C-alpha atoms as a PDB file:
ATOM      1  CA  MET A   1       0.538   1.736   3.460  1.00  0.00           C
ATOM      2  CA  ASN A   2       0.332  -1.690   1.853  1.00  0.00           C
ATOM      3  CA  LYS A   3      -2.300  -3.276  -0.385  1.00  0.00           C
ATOM      4  CA  VAL A   4      -4.149  -4.786   2.563  1.00  0.00           C
ATOM      5  CA  GLN A   5      -4.437  -1.380   4.255  1.00  0.00           C
ATOM      6  CA  ASP A   6      -5.499   0.166   0.974  1.00  0.00           C
ATOM      7  CA  GLN A   7      -8.263  -2.440   0.656  1.00  0.00           C
ATOM      8  CA  ILE A   8      -9.387  -1.740   4.244  1.00  0.00           C
ATOM      9  CA  ASN A   9      -9.620   1.984   3.484  1.00  0.00           C
ATOM     10  CA  ARG A  10     -11.653   1.255   0.351  1.00  0.00           C
ATOM     11  CA  VAL A  11     -14.003  -0.931   2.373  1.00  0.00           C
ATOM     12  CA  HIS A  12     -14.563   1.882   4.885  1.00  0.00           C
ATOM     13  CA  ILE A  13     -15.254   4.335   2.061  1.00  0.00           C
ATOM     14  CA  LEU A  14     -17.646   1.899   0.398  1.00  0.00           C
ATOM     15  CA  ARG A  15     -19.445   1.426   3.715  1.00  0.00           C
ATOM     16  CA  TYR A  16     -19.948   5.192   4.150  1.00  0.00           C
ATOM     17  CA  ILE A  17     -21.098   5.551   0.546  1.00  0.00           C
ATOM     18  CA  SER A  18     -23.534   2.665   0.959  1.00  0.00           C
ATOM     19  CA  ALA A  19     -24.959   4.090   4.176  1.00  0.00           C
ATOM     20  CA  SER A  20     -25.330   7.575   2.666  1.00  0.00           C
ATOM     21  CA  LEU A  21     -26.987   6.276  -0.491  1.00  0.00           C
ATOM     22  CA  SER A  22     -29.285   4.099   1.589  1.00  0.00           C
ATOM     23  CA  ILE A  23     -30.510   7.048   3.651  1.00  0.00           C
ATOM     24  CA  ALA A  24     -30.937   9.246   0.574  1.00  0.00           C
ATOM     25  CA  CYS A  25     -32.805   6.584  -1.408  1.00  0.00           C
ATOM     26  CA  PHE A  26     -35.112   5.734   1.493  1.00  0.00           C
ATOM     27  CA  LEU A  27     -35.992   9.424   1.686  1.00  0.00           C
ATOM     28  CA  PHE A  28     -36.586   9.704  -2.070  1.00  0.00           C
ATOM     29  CA  ALA A  29     -38.623   6.494  -2.062  1.00  0.00           C
ATOM     30  CA  TYR A  30     -40.824   7.941   0.670  1.00  0.00           C
ATOM     31  CA  LEU A  31     -41.305  11.218  -1.197  1.00  0.00           C
ATOM     32  CA  ASN A  32     -42.009   9.538  -4.538  1.00  0.00           C
ATOM     33  CA  TYR A  33     -44.483   7.075  -3.059  1.00  0.00           C
ATOM     34  CA  PHE A  34     -46.476   9.293  -0.714  1.00  0.00           C
ATOM     35  CA  ASP A  35     -46.091  12.801  -2.181  1.00  0.00           C
ATOM     36  CA  LEU A  36     -45.467  12.383  -5.923  1.00  0.00           C
ATOM     37  CA  HIS A  37     -47.266   9.037  -6.249  1.00  0.00           C
ATOM     38  CA  ASN A  38     -44.499   7.778  -8.545  1.00  0.00           C
ATOM     39  CA  ILE A  39     -44.761   4.173  -7.421  1.00  0.00           C
ATOM     40  CA  ASP A  40     -42.391   2.636 -10.007  1.00  0.00           C
ATOM     41  CA  LEU A  41     -39.538   4.945  -9.110  1.00  0.00           C
ATOM     42  CA  ALA A  42     -40.266   4.511  -5.381  1.00  0.00           C
ATOM     43  CA  ILE A  43     -39.971   0.723  -5.695  1.00  0.00           C
ATOM     44  CA  VAL A  44     -36.618   0.999  -7.521  1.00  0.00           C
ATOM     45  CA  GLU A  45     -35.279   3.440  -4.933  1.00  0.00           C
ATOM     46  CA  PHE A  46     -36.523   1.324  -2.020  1.00  0.00           C
ATOM     47  CA  ALA A  47     -34.857  -1.801  -3.443  1.00  0.00           C
ATOM     48  CA  PHE A  48     -31.565   0.028  -3.952  1.00  0.00           C
ATOM     49  CA  ALA A  49     -31.780   1.615  -0.488  1.00  0.00           C
ATOM     50  CA  THR A  50     -32.339  -1.790   1.128  1.00  0.00           C
ATOM     51  CA  SER A  51     -29.414  -3.398  -0.681  1.00  0.00           C
ATOM     52  CA  SER A  52     -27.159  -0.434   0.169  1.00  0.00           C
ATOM     53  CA  LEU A  53     -28.091  -0.697   3.830  1.00  0.00           C
ATOM     54  CA  ALA A  54     -27.277  -4.418   3.821  1.00  0.00           C
ATOM     55  CA  ILE A  55     -23.896  -3.687   2.235  1.00  0.00           C
ATOM     56  CA  ALA A  56     -23.119  -0.979   4.806  1.00  0.00           C
ATOM     57  CA  LEU A  57     -23.942  -3.353   7.675  1.00  0.00           C
ATOM     58  CA  PHE A  58     -22.201  -6.503   6.452  1.00  0.00           C
ATOM     59  CA  ILE A  59     -19.382  -5.371   4.108  1.00  0.00           C
ATOM     60  CA  HIS A  60     -16.704  -6.082   6.736  1.00  0.00           C
ATOM     61  CA  LYS A  61     -17.657  -9.780   6.512  1.00  0.00           C
ATOM     62  CA  LEU A  62     -17.361  -9.958   2.732  1.00  0.00           C
ATOM     63  CA  ASN A  63     -14.318 -11.122   0.784  1.00  0.00           C
ATOM     64  CA  THR A  64     -12.483  -9.146  -1.885  1.00  0.00           C
ATOM     65  CA  LYS A  65     -14.274 -10.770  -4.824  1.00  0.00           C
ATOM     66  CA  ILE A  66     -17.727  -9.920  -3.462  1.00  0.00           C
ATOM     67  CA  ILE A  67     -16.619  -6.348  -2.731  1.00  0.00           C
ATOM     68  CA  ASP A  68     -15.449  -5.998  -6.339  1.00  0.00           C
ATOM     69  CA  ILE A  69     -18.826  -7.309  -7.510  1.00  0.00           C
ATOM     70  CA  ILE A  70     -20.572  -4.734  -5.316  1.00  0.00           C
ATOM     71  CA  LYS A  71     -18.503  -1.977  -6.886  1.00  0.00           C
ATOM     72  CA  ARG A  72     -19.530  -3.093 -10.359  1.00  0.00           C
ATOM     73  CA  LEU A  73     -23.186  -3.360  -9.294  1.00  0.00           C
ATOM     74  CA  TYR A  74     -23.097   0.236  -8.072  1.00  0.00           C
ATOM     75  CA  ILE A  75     -21.699   1.439 -11.366  1.00  0.00           C
ATOM     76  CA  SER A  76     -24.173  -0.711 -13.304  1.00  0.00           C
ATOM     77  CA  PHE A  77     -27.030   0.767 -11.298  1.00  0.00           C
ATOM     78  CA  ILE A  78     -25.847   4.278 -12.103  1.00  0.00           C
ATOM     79  CA  CYS A  79     -25.644   3.405 -15.816  1.00  0.00           C
ATOM     80  CA  ILE A  80     -29.132   1.860 -15.876  1.00  0.00           C
ATOM     81  CA  PHE A  81     -30.549   4.727 -13.863  1.00  0.00           C
ATOM     82  CA  ALA A  82     -28.976   7.320 -16.153  1.00  0.00           C
ATOM     83  CA  MET A  83     -30.230   5.605 -19.311  1.00  0.00           C
ATOM     84  CA  GLY A  84     -33.668   5.231 -17.759  1.00  0.00           C
ATOM     85  CA  VAL A  85     -33.776   8.937 -17.013  1.00  0.00           C
ATOM     86  CA  VAL A  86     -32.746   9.816 -20.574  1.00  0.00           C
ATOM     87  CA  TYR A  87     -35.021   7.500 -22.485  1.00  0.00           C
ATOM     88  CA  SER A  88     -37.995   7.144 -20.174  1.00  0.00           C
ATOM     89  CA  ALA A  89     -38.058  10.480 -18.397  1.00  0.00           C
ATOM     90  CA  ILE A  90     -38.998   9.008 -15.035  1.00  0.00           C
ATOM     91  CA  THR A  91     -39.127  12.418 -13.402  1.00  0.00           C
ATOM     92  CA  PRO A  92     -37.956  15.862 -14.581  1.00  0.00           C
ATOM     93  CA  SER A  93     -35.495  16.622 -11.766  1.00  0.00           C
ATOM     94  CA  ILE A  94     -33.886  13.206 -11.403  1.00  0.00           C
ATOM     95  CA  PHE A  95     -30.953  14.180 -13.674  1.00  0.00           C
ATOM     96  CA  ILE A  96     -29.422  15.983 -10.695  1.00  0.00           C
ATOM     97  CA  PHE A  97     -28.155  12.543  -9.621  1.00  0.00           C
ATOM     98  CA  ILE A  98     -25.646  12.617 -12.477  1.00  0.00           C
ATOM     99  CA  PHE A  99     -23.482  14.862 -10.306  1.00  0.00           C
ATOM    100  CA  LEU A 100     -22.906  11.880  -7.997  1.00  0.00           C
ATOM    101  CA  ILE A 101     -21.247   9.949 -10.824  1.00  0.00           C
ATOM    102  CA  PRO A 102     -17.713  11.437 -10.586  1.00  0.00           C
ATOM    103  CA  VAL A 103     -17.772  11.233  -6.781  1.00  0.00           C
ATOM    104  CA  LEU A 104     -18.867   7.598  -6.704  1.00  0.00           C
ATOM    105  CA  SER A 105     -16.683   6.635  -9.650  1.00  0.00           C
ATOM    106  CA  TYR A 106     -13.444   7.892  -8.092  1.00  0.00           C
ATOM    107  CA  PHE A 107     -14.205   6.498  -4.636  1.00  0.00           C
ATOM    108  CA  ILE A 108     -15.351   3.088  -5.823  1.00  0.00           C
ATOM    109  CA  LEU A 109     -13.224   2.463  -8.926  1.00  0.00           C
ATOM    110  CA  GLY A 110     -10.052   4.346  -8.024  1.00  0.00           C
ATOM    111  CA  ARG A 111      -8.095   6.936  -9.971  1.00  0.00           C
ATOM    112  CA  LEU A 112      -7.789   5.374 -13.443  1.00  0.00           C
ATOM    113  CA  TRP A 113     -11.205   3.773 -13.956  1.00  0.00           C
ATOM    114  CA  GLY A 114     -12.915   6.539 -12.011  1.00  0.00           C
ATOM    115  CA  ALA A 115     -11.523   9.086 -14.477  1.00  0.00           C
ATOM    116  CA  ILE A 116     -12.501   6.977 -17.494  1.00  0.00           C
ATOM    117  CA  PHE A 117     -16.031   6.252 -16.308  1.00  0.00           C
ATOM    118  CA  SER A 118     -16.841   9.787 -15.144  1.00  0.00           C
ATOM    119  CA  PHE A 119     -15.395  11.275 -18.356  1.00  0.00           C
ATOM    120  CA  ALA A 120     -17.565   8.910 -20.406  1.00  0.00           C
ATOM    121  CA  SER A 121     -20.528  10.023 -18.307  1.00  0.00           C
ATOM    122  CA  ILE A 122     -19.969  13.701 -19.063  1.00  0.00           C
ATOM    123  CA  ILE A 123     -19.824  12.916 -22.797  1.00  0.00           C
ATOM    124  CA  PHE A 124     -23.061  10.943 -22.416  1.00  0.00           C
ATOM    125  CA  THR A 125     -24.660  13.856 -20.558  1.00  0.00           C
ATOM    126  CA  PHE A 126     -23.505  16.362 -23.183  1.00  0.00           C
ATOM    127  CA  PHE A 127     -25.431  14.628 -25.968  1.00  0.00           C
ATOM    128  CA  HIS A 128     -28.618  14.136 -23.940  1.00  0.00           C
ATOM    129  CA  LEU A 129     -28.788  17.267 -21.792  1.00  0.00           C
ATOM    130  CA  ASP A 130     -31.294  18.897 -24.136  1.00  0.00           C
ATOM    131  CA  LYS A 131     -33.850  16.253 -23.088  1.00  0.00           C
ATOM    132  CA  TYR A 132     -33.356  17.143 -19.458  1.00  0.00           C
ATOM    133  CA  LEU A 133     -33.860  20.828 -20.201  1.00  0.00           C
ATOM    134  CA  VAL A 134     -37.107  20.115 -22.018  1.00  0.00           C
ATOM    135  CA  LEU A 135     -38.346  18.153 -19.023  1.00  0.00           C
ATOM    136  CA  LEU A 136     -37.415  21.046 -16.758  1.00  0.00           C
ATOM    137  CA  ASN A 137     -39.293  23.504 -18.993  1.00  0.00           C
ATOM    138  CA  THR A 138     -36.273  25.734 -19.317  1.00  0.00           C
ATOM    139  CA  ASP A 139     -34.141  26.997 -22.174  1.00  0.00           C
ATOM    140  CA  ASN A 140     -30.540  26.235 -23.093  1.00  0.00           C
ATOM    141  CA  SER A 141     -29.186  28.858 -20.703  1.00  0.00           C
ATOM    142  CA  LEU A 142     -28.752  26.058 -18.169  1.00  0.00           C
ATOM    143  CA  TYR A 143     -26.914  23.874 -20.656  1.00  0.00           C
ATOM    144  CA  TRP A 144     -23.383  25.076 -20.057  1.00  0.00           C
ATOM    145  CA  ASP A 145     -24.004  25.659 -16.347  1.00  0.00           C
ATOM    146  CA  VAL A 146     -24.728  21.972 -15.877  1.00  0.00           C
ATOM    147  CA  LEU A 147     -21.727  20.870 -17.917  1.00  0.00           C
ATOM    148  CA  ILE A 148     -19.389  23.296 -16.147  1.00  0.00           C
ATOM    149  CA  LEU A 149     -20.657  22.125 -12.758  1.00  0.00           C
ATOM    150  CA  TYR A 150     -20.216  18.468 -13.671  1.00  0.00           C
ATOM    151  CA  GLY A 151     -16.784  19.158 -15.155  1.00  0.00           C
ATOM    152  CA  GLY A 152     -15.772  21.041 -12.014  1.00  0.00           C
ATOM    153  CA  ILE A 153     -16.808  18.149  -9.783  1.00  0.00           C
ATOM    154  CA  TRP A 154     -14.990  15.730 -12.096  1.00  0.00           C
ATOM    155  CA  ILE A 155     -11.744  17.746 -11.965  1.00  0.00           C
ATOM    156  CA  ILE A 156     -11.944  18.242  -8.196  1.00  0.00           C
ATOM    157  CA  MET A 157     -12.502  14.532  -7.562  1.00  0.00           C
ATOM    158  CA  GLY A 158      -9.677  13.666  -9.953  1.00  0.00           C
ATOM    159  CA  GLN A 159      -7.301  15.969  -8.088  1.00  0.00           C
ATOM    160  CA  TYR A 160      -8.471  14.628  -4.749  1.00  0.00           C
ATOM    161  CA  GLU A 161      -7.906  11.024  -5.788  1.00  0.00           C
ATOM    162  CA  SER A 162      -4.457  11.914  -7.194  1.00  0.00           C
ATOM    163  CA  ILE A 163      -3.482  13.565  -3.914  1.00  0.00           C
ATOM    164  CA  VAL A 164      -4.758  10.583  -1.928  1.00  0.00           C
ATOM    165  CA  HIS A 165      -2.844   8.182  -4.203  1.00  0.00           C
ATOM    166  CA  LYS A 166       0.355  10.223  -3.875  1.00  0.00           C
ATOM    167  CA  LYS A 167       0.045  10.371  -0.088  1.00  0.00           C
ATOM    168  CA  MET A 168      -0.574   6.633   0.110  1.00  0.00           C
ATOM    169  CA  VAL A 169       2.560   5.959  -1.946  1.00  0.00           C
ATOM    170  CA  GLU A 170       4.581   8.316   0.279  1.00  0.00           C
ATOM    171  CA  LEU A 171       3.241   6.710   3.458  1.00  0.00           C
ATOM    172  CA  LYS A 172       4.023   3.264   2.108  1.00  0.00           C
ATOM    173  CA  GLU A 173       7.589   4.285   1.277  1.00  0.00           C
ATOM    174  CA  GLU A 174       8.058   5.976   4.657  1.00  0.00           C
ATOM    175  CA  SER A 175       6.726   2.949   6.511  1.00  0.00           C
ATOM    176  CA  GLU A 176       9.200   0.628   4.768  1.00  0.00           C
ATOM    177  CA  ILE A 177      12.342   2.813   4.787  1.00  0.00           C
ATOM    178  CA  ASP A 178      14.621   3.454   7.746  1.00  0.00           C
ATOM    179  CA  SER A 179      14.916   7.231   8.057  1.00  0.00           C
ATOM    180  CA  LEU A 180      18.496   7.213   9.372  1.00  0.00           C
ATOM    181  CA  THR A 181      20.185   4.870   6.919  1.00  0.00           C
ATOM    182  CA  GLY A 182      17.826   5.062   3.920  1.00  0.00           C
ATOM    183  CA  ILE A 183      17.540   1.276   3.552  1.00  0.00           C
ATOM    184  CA  ASN A 184      14.567  -1.034   4.070  1.00  0.00           C
ATOM    185  CA  ASN A 185      13.405  -1.518   7.631  1.00  0.00           C
ATOM    186  CA  ARG A 186      12.150  -4.618   9.424  1.00  0.00           C
ATOM    187  CA  LYS A 187       8.523  -3.972   8.415  1.00  0.00           C
ATOM    188  CA  SER A 188       9.343  -4.644   4.765  1.00  0.00           C
ATOM    189  CA  LEU A 189      11.373  -7.798   5.472  1.00  0.00           C
ATOM    190  CA  GLN A 190       8.530 -10.297   5.093  1.00  0.00           C
ATOM    191  CA  LYS A 191       7.303  -8.776   1.826  1.00  0.00           C
ATOM    192  CA  ASN A 192      10.789  -8.820   0.299  1.00  0.00           C
ATOM    193  CA  TYR A 193      11.368 -12.357   1.535  1.00  0.00           C
ATOM    194  CA  ASP A 194       8.152 -13.523  -0.141  1.00  0.00           C
ATOM    195  CA  GLU A 195       9.119 -11.854  -3.422  1.00  0.00           C
ATOM    196  CA  LEU A 196      12.622 -13.351  -3.447  1.00  0.00           C
ATOM    197  CA  ILE A 197      11.705 -16.845  -2.292  1.00  0.00           C
ATOM    198  CA  LEU A 198       9.006 -17.132  -4.951  1.00  0.00           C
ATOM    199  CA  SER A 199      11.477 -16.170  -7.665  1.00  0.00           C
ATOM    200  CA  LYS A 200      14.190 -18.702  -6.764  1.00  0.00           C
ATOM    201  CA  GLY A 201      13.003 -21.019  -4.001  1.00  0.00           C
ATOM    202  CA  ASN A 202      16.160 -20.800  -1.886  1.00  0.00           C
ATOM    203  CA  MET A 203      17.366 -18.159   0.536  1.00  0.00           C
ATOM    204  CA  THR A 204      20.411 -17.170   2.571  1.00  0.00           C
ATOM    205  CA  LEU A 205      19.952 -14.774   5.463  1.00  0.00           C
ATOM    206  CA  PHE A 206      22.747 -12.735   7.105  1.00  0.00           C
ATOM    207  CA  LEU A 207      22.306 -11.189  10.554  1.00  0.00           C
ATOM    208  CA  LEU A 208      25.013  -8.617  11.282  1.00  0.00           C
ATOM    209  CA  ASP A 209      25.538  -6.886  14.605  1.00  0.00           C
ATOM    210  CA  ILE A 210      28.109  -4.219  15.490  1.00  0.00           C
ATOM    211  CA  ASP A 211      30.424  -5.326  18.291  1.00  0.00           C
ATOM    212  CA  PHE A 212      30.428  -3.089  21.392  1.00  0.00           C
ATOM    213  CA  PHE A 213      28.262  -0.466  19.701  1.00  0.00           C
ATOM    214  CA  LYS A 214      27.213   0.914  23.084  1.00  0.00           C
ATOM    215  CA  GLN A 215      30.812   1.947  23.700  1.00  0.00           C
ATOM    216  CA  VAL A 216      30.712   4.087  20.548  1.00  0.00           C
ATOM    217  CA  ASN A 217      27.669   5.943  21.865  1.00  0.00           C
ATOM    218  CA  ASP A 218      29.085   6.253  25.367  1.00  0.00           C
ATOM    219  CA  THR A 219      32.534   7.407  24.204  1.00  0.00           C
ATOM    220  CA  TYR A 220      31.760   9.652  21.237  1.00  0.00           C
ATOM    221  CA  GLY A 221      28.069  10.434  21.607  1.00  0.00           C
ATOM    222  CA  HIS A 222      24.877   9.336  19.862  1.00  0.00           C
ATOM    223  CA  GLN A 223      25.564  11.478  16.809  1.00  0.00           C
ATOM    224  CA  ALA A 224      28.775   9.516  16.286  1.00  0.00           C
ATOM    225  CA  GLY A 225      26.693   6.354  16.660  1.00  0.00           C
ATOM    226  CA  ASP A 226      24.314   7.531  13.920  1.00  0.00           C
ATOM    227  CA  ILE A 227      27.229   8.281  11.599  1.00  0.00           C
ATOM    228  CA  THR A 228      28.689   4.848  12.383  1.00  0.00           C
ATOM    229  CA  LEU A 229      25.439   3.181  11.314  1.00  0.00           C
ATOM    230  CA  GLN A 230      25.367   5.190   8.083  1.00  0.00           C
ATOM    231  CA  ILE A 231      28.985   4.304   7.269  1.00  0.00           C
ATOM    232  CA  LEU A 232      28.311   0.656   8.037  1.00  0.00           C
ATOM    233  CA  VAL A 233      25.375   0.629   5.603  1.00  0.00           C
ATOM    234  CA  LYS A 234      27.601   2.208   2.941  1.00  0.00           C
ATOM    235  CA  THR A 235      30.178  -0.548   3.559  1.00  0.00           C
ATOM    236  CA  ILE A 236      27.510  -3.249   3.205  1.00  0.00           C
ATOM    237  CA  GLN A 237      26.220  -1.680   0.005  1.00  0.00           C
ATOM    238  CA  ASP A 238      29.719  -1.441  -1.453  1.00  0.00           C
ATOM    239  CA  THR A 239      30.420  -5.081  -0.598  1.00  0.00           C
ATOM    240  CA  PHE A 240      27.214  -6.252  -2.287  1.00  0.00           C
ATOM    241  CA  LYS A 241      27.452  -3.739  -5.121  1.00  0.00           C
ATOM    242  CA  ASP A 242      25.810  -4.705  -8.439  1.00  0.00           C
ATOM    243  CA  LYS A 243      24.216  -7.817  -6.936  1.00  0.00           C
ATOM    244  CA  ASP A 244      20.531  -7.803  -7.861  1.00  0.00           C
ATOM    245  CA  ASP A 245      19.769 -10.881  -5.768  1.00  0.00           C
ATOM    246  CA  VAL A 246      20.599  -9.119  -2.471  1.00  0.00           C
ATOM    247  CA  ARG A 247      18.444  -6.872  -0.286  1.00  0.00           C
ATOM    248  CA  ILE A 248      19.569  -5.060   2.868  1.00  0.00           C
ATOM    249  CA  PHE A 249      17.493  -4.179   5.937  1.00  0.00           C
ATOM    250  CA  ARG A 250      17.982  -2.442   9.233  1.00  0.00           C
ATOM    251  CA  PHE A 251      16.734  -5.117  11.603  1.00  0.00           C
ATOM    252  CA  GLY A 252      16.791  -2.970  14.713  1.00  0.00           C
ATOM    253  CA  GLY A 253      19.290  -0.767  16.543  1.00  0.00           C
ATOM    254  CA  GLU A 254      22.787  -1.763  15.407  1.00  0.00           C
ATOM    255  CA  GLU A 255      21.595  -5.019  13.856  1.00  0.00           C
ATOM    256  CA  PHE A 256      21.181  -5.507  10.107  1.00  0.00           C
ATOM    257  CA  CYS A 257      19.701  -8.240   7.948  1.00  0.00           C
ATOM    258  CA  ILE A 258      20.705  -9.220   4.408  1.00  0.00           C
ATOM    259  CA  LEU A 259      18.725 -11.532   2.113  1.00  0.00           C
ATOM    260  CA  SER A 260      20.162 -13.271  -0.931  1.00  0.00           C
ATOM    261  CA  VAL A 261      18.766 -15.886  -3.314  1.00  0.00           C
ATOM    262  CA  ASN A 262      22.140 -16.717  -4.833  1.00  0.00           C
ATOM    263  CA  GLU A 263      22.322 -20.515  -5.038  1.00  0.00           C
ATOM    264  CA  ASP A 264      26.068 -20.690  -4.355  1.00  0.00           C
ATOM    265  CA  PHE A 265      26.230 -20.759  -0.550  1.00  0.00           C
ATOM    266  CA  ASP A 266      30.028 -21.029  -0.497  1.00  0.00           C
ATOM    267  CA  TYR A 267      30.222 -17.827  -2.533  1.00  0.00           C
ATOM    268  CA  LEU A 268      27.919 -16.071  -0.053  1.00  0.00           C
ATOM    269  CA  LEU A 269      29.959 -17.377   2.867  1.00  0.00           C
ATOM    270  CA  ASN A 270      33.102 -15.858   1.314  1.00  0.00           C
ATOM    271  CA  LEU A 271      31.162 -12.660   0.727  1.00  0.00           C
ATOM    272  CA  ALA A 272      30.172 -12.567   4.402  1.00  0.00           C
ATOM    273  CA  GLU A 273      33.825 -12.901   5.387  1.00  0.00           C
ATOM    274  CA  GLU A 274      34.739 -10.143   2.920  1.00  0.00           C
ATOM    275  CA  LEU A 275      32.072  -7.937   4.491  1.00  0.00           C
ATOM    276  CA  ARG A 276      33.428  -8.605   7.977  1.00  0.00           C
ATOM    277  CA  GLN A 277      36.926  -7.600   6.853  1.00  0.00           C
ATOM    278  CA  ASN A 278      35.647  -4.503   5.066  1.00  0.00           C
ATOM    279  CA  VAL A 279      33.854  -3.369   8.230  1.00  0.00           C
ATOM    280  CA  GLN A 280      36.975  -4.040  10.296  1.00  0.00           C
ATOM    281  CA  ASN A 281      39.135  -1.976   7.911  1.00  0.00           C
ATOM    282  CA  THR A 282      36.745   0.973   7.601  1.00  0.00           C
ATOM    283  CA  ILE A 283      37.950   4.146   9.303  1.00  0.00           C
ATOM    284  CA  ILE A 284      35.226   6.282  10.934  1.00  0.00           C
ATOM    285  CA  ALA A 285      35.929   9.954  11.509  1.00  0.00           C
ATOM    286  CA  PHE A 286      33.701  12.079  13.730  1.00  0.00           C
ATOM    287  CA  GLU A 287      34.738  15.606  14.584  1.00  0.00           C
ATOM    288  CA  LYS A 288      38.302  15.125  15.860  1.00  0.00           C
ATOM    289  CA  ASN A 289      37.874  11.471  16.676  1.00  0.00           C
ATOM    290  CA  ILE A 290      38.973   8.555  14.499  1.00  0.00           C
ATOM    291  CA  PHE A 291      37.997   4.994  15.351  1.00  0.00           C
ATOM    292  CA  LYS A 292      37.117   1.598  13.898  1.00  0.00           C
ATOM    293  CA  ILE A 293      34.468  -0.999  14.592  1.00  0.00           C
ATOM    294  CA  THR A 294      34.048  -4.724  14.075  1.00  0.00           C
ATOM    295  CA  CYS A 295      30.964  -6.823  13.499  1.00  0.00           C
ATOM    296  CA  SER A 296      29.709 -10.359  14.063  1.00  0.00           C
ATOM    297  CA  ILE A 297      27.684 -12.165  11.396  1.00  0.00           C
ATOM    298  CA  GLY A 298      25.384 -15.168  11.642  1.00  0.00           C
ATOM    299  CA  LEU A 299      24.167 -16.968   8.515  1.00  0.00           C
ATOM    300  CA  SER A 300      21.321 -19.346   7.799  1.00  0.00           C
ATOM    301  CA  HIS A 301      20.266 -20.996   4.558  1.00  0.00           C
ATOM    302  CA  THR A 302      17.270 -22.862   3.180  1.00  0.00           C
ATOM    303  CA  SER A 303      16.307 -24.504  -0.077  1.00  0.00           C
ATOM    304  CA  ASN A 304      12.847 -25.486   1.170  1.00  0.00           C
ATOM    305  CA  GLN A 305      10.514 -22.516   1.337  1.00  0.00           C
ATOM    306  CA  ILE A 306       7.659 -24.576   2.817  1.00  0.00           C
ATOM    307  CA  GLU A 307       9.431 -26.169   5.788  1.00  0.00           C
ATOM    308  CA  ASN A 308      11.753 -23.234   6.460  1.00  0.00           C
ATOM    309  CA  GLY A 309      10.027 -19.885   6.560  1.00  0.00           C
ATOM    310  CA  LEU A 310      11.461 -16.474   7.369  1.00  0.00           C
ATOM    311  CA  GLU A 311      11.018 -16.813  11.142  1.00  0.00           C
ATOM    312  CA  LYS A 312      12.957 -20.075  11.201  1.00  0.00           C
ATOM    313  CA  LEU A 313      15.758 -18.554   9.120  1.00  0.00           C
ATOM    314  CA  ILE A 314      15.960 -15.604  11.505  1.00  0.00           C
ATOM    315  CA  ARG A 315      16.104 -17.906  14.555  1.00  0.00           C
ATOM    316  CA  GLN A 316      18.901 -19.974  13.014  1.00  0.00           C
ATOM    317  CA  ALA A 317      20.918 -16.911  12.004  1.00  0.00           C
ATOM    318  CA  ASP A 318      20.349 -15.387  15.438  1.00  0.00           C
ATOM    319  CA  LEU A 319      21.719 -18.532  17.127  1.00  0.00           C
ATOM    320  CA  HIS A 320      24.824 -18.358  14.939  1.00  0.00           C
ATOM    321  CA  LEU A 321      25.186 -14.623  15.649  1.00  0.00           C
ATOM    322  CA  TYR A 322      24.879 -15.266  19.391  1.00  0.00           C
ATOM    323  CA  TYR A 323      27.574 -17.945  19.163  1.00  0.00           C
ATOM    324  CA  ALA A 324      29.880 -15.487  17.385  1.00  0.00           C
ATOM    325  CA  LYS A 325      29.247 -12.901  20.115  1.00  0.00           C
ATOM    326  CA  GLU A 326      29.953 -15.385  22.878  1.00  0.00           C
ATOM    327  CA  ASN A 327      33.144 -16.678  21.269  1.00  0.00           C
ATOM    328  CA  GLY A 328      35.285 -13.631  20.654  1.00  0.00           C
ATOM    329  CA  ARG A 329      33.117 -11.533  18.292  1.00  0.00           C
ATOM    330  CA  ASN A 330      34.302 -10.251  14.897  1.00  0.00           C
ATOM    331  CA  LYS A 331      33.409 -13.632  13.362  1.00  0.00           C
ATOM    332  CA  VAL A 332      31.249 -15.183  10.647  1.00  0.00           C
ATOM    333  CA  ILE A 333      29.327 -18.244  11.862  1.00  0.00           C
ATOM    334  CA  TYR A 334      27.100 -20.350   9.626  1.00  0.00           C
ATOM    335  CA  LYS A 335      26.802 -23.517  11.740  1.00  0.00           C
ATOM    336  CA  LEU A 336      27.252 -24.482  15.354  1.00  0.00           C
ATOM    337  CA  PRO A 337      30.016 -26.935  16.325  1.00  0.00           C
ATOM    338  CA  LYS A 338      28.867 -30.430  17.170  1.00  0.00           C
ATOM    339  CA  THR A 339      28.834 -31.107  20.885  1.00  0.00           C
END
C-alpha cells in the first residue's frame, strides 16, 4: 500500500467520522434546544453538525491541503470544547465526550501525533477532573474509574493504530516484492525510476529475457523453471554487486528489468556483456539434471528525464531486445543497425 492509497483510506475514515459526529451532534443539538433549553450549546452543536455533514458529503472532492486543515479544525474544536467544559461548565455530563479524544486523535492524526495529543488530553483531564465530579454531584470514587477508562481507550487505540500501521507496511512490501525471486516487481518500477532519475537526471535501462525458457519448463518441469529464475536473479545480483546506483526488477515471467543511473554508458554496456557471459556460464542443477541457459539483453539510455520517460525507455529497450531475439539470441543490443 502506497502513500496515495494510505491517503484514500484516511479520507474514507474521516468521512465516516464526520458523518457519525454529524448525526450525534444533530441529536444533541435537538435535545439541548427542545428538552434542556440550553440554546448556546445547541447552536454550537448544530454548527459543528452542519460542517461535519458537509465534510462527509464533499470530502472526496477536496485536495490534500484542505483535508489536513479539516483534521486540524477537528482537533481545535475538541480543544476548545474541552476547555469550555472545564472553565464554563456548559453542562454537567458533557465531559463524557473526552472519551472520544483518543479515538478521533488516532484516526485523524495518525499514530505519532494521535498518541501525543491523546496523552496530553489525559494529563489535562487528570488536573481538572475534580471540577467534573463537582458538577456531577458525586464524590472522588469516580475519579480513578474515569482515568482508567480513558487510559484503557487510549492504549487500545494506540495498539490498534500500531497494528494497522504494521499491516500497511507489510502490504506495501508484499505488493512491491516478487514472491518467487525476492526482488522488486513491476509495480514498484515507476516509483524507483522516479527516485533515481531525480537524483541524477540520467538513466540506463536493461531488459533481459531468458532464451527458450519454455523449453526448460517443458523438459524439466515448472519447479526447475522456478529454480532457474532464482539462480538467474542471483547471477544478476552478483554481477551488479556493491553498485548502489542499480536496482533490479522482475518485469514479468522470464523477463527482468535493471535500472542504473551510472553516467558512464560504455561501462554499463560492458557490464551488460559481462552479465550475458555470466548467465551463459552458470550451471543449473535440478534433481539429476544439469543444464545451462542463455539470455538476450536490450538497453536504452536517456539523459533527458522530461522528453524521455520510463515508458519510452522501456519501448526502446524492448525493440533492442526483440532485435536480439530475432538475430540469434544470446546477445546484447543497445542500438538498431541503420537500414
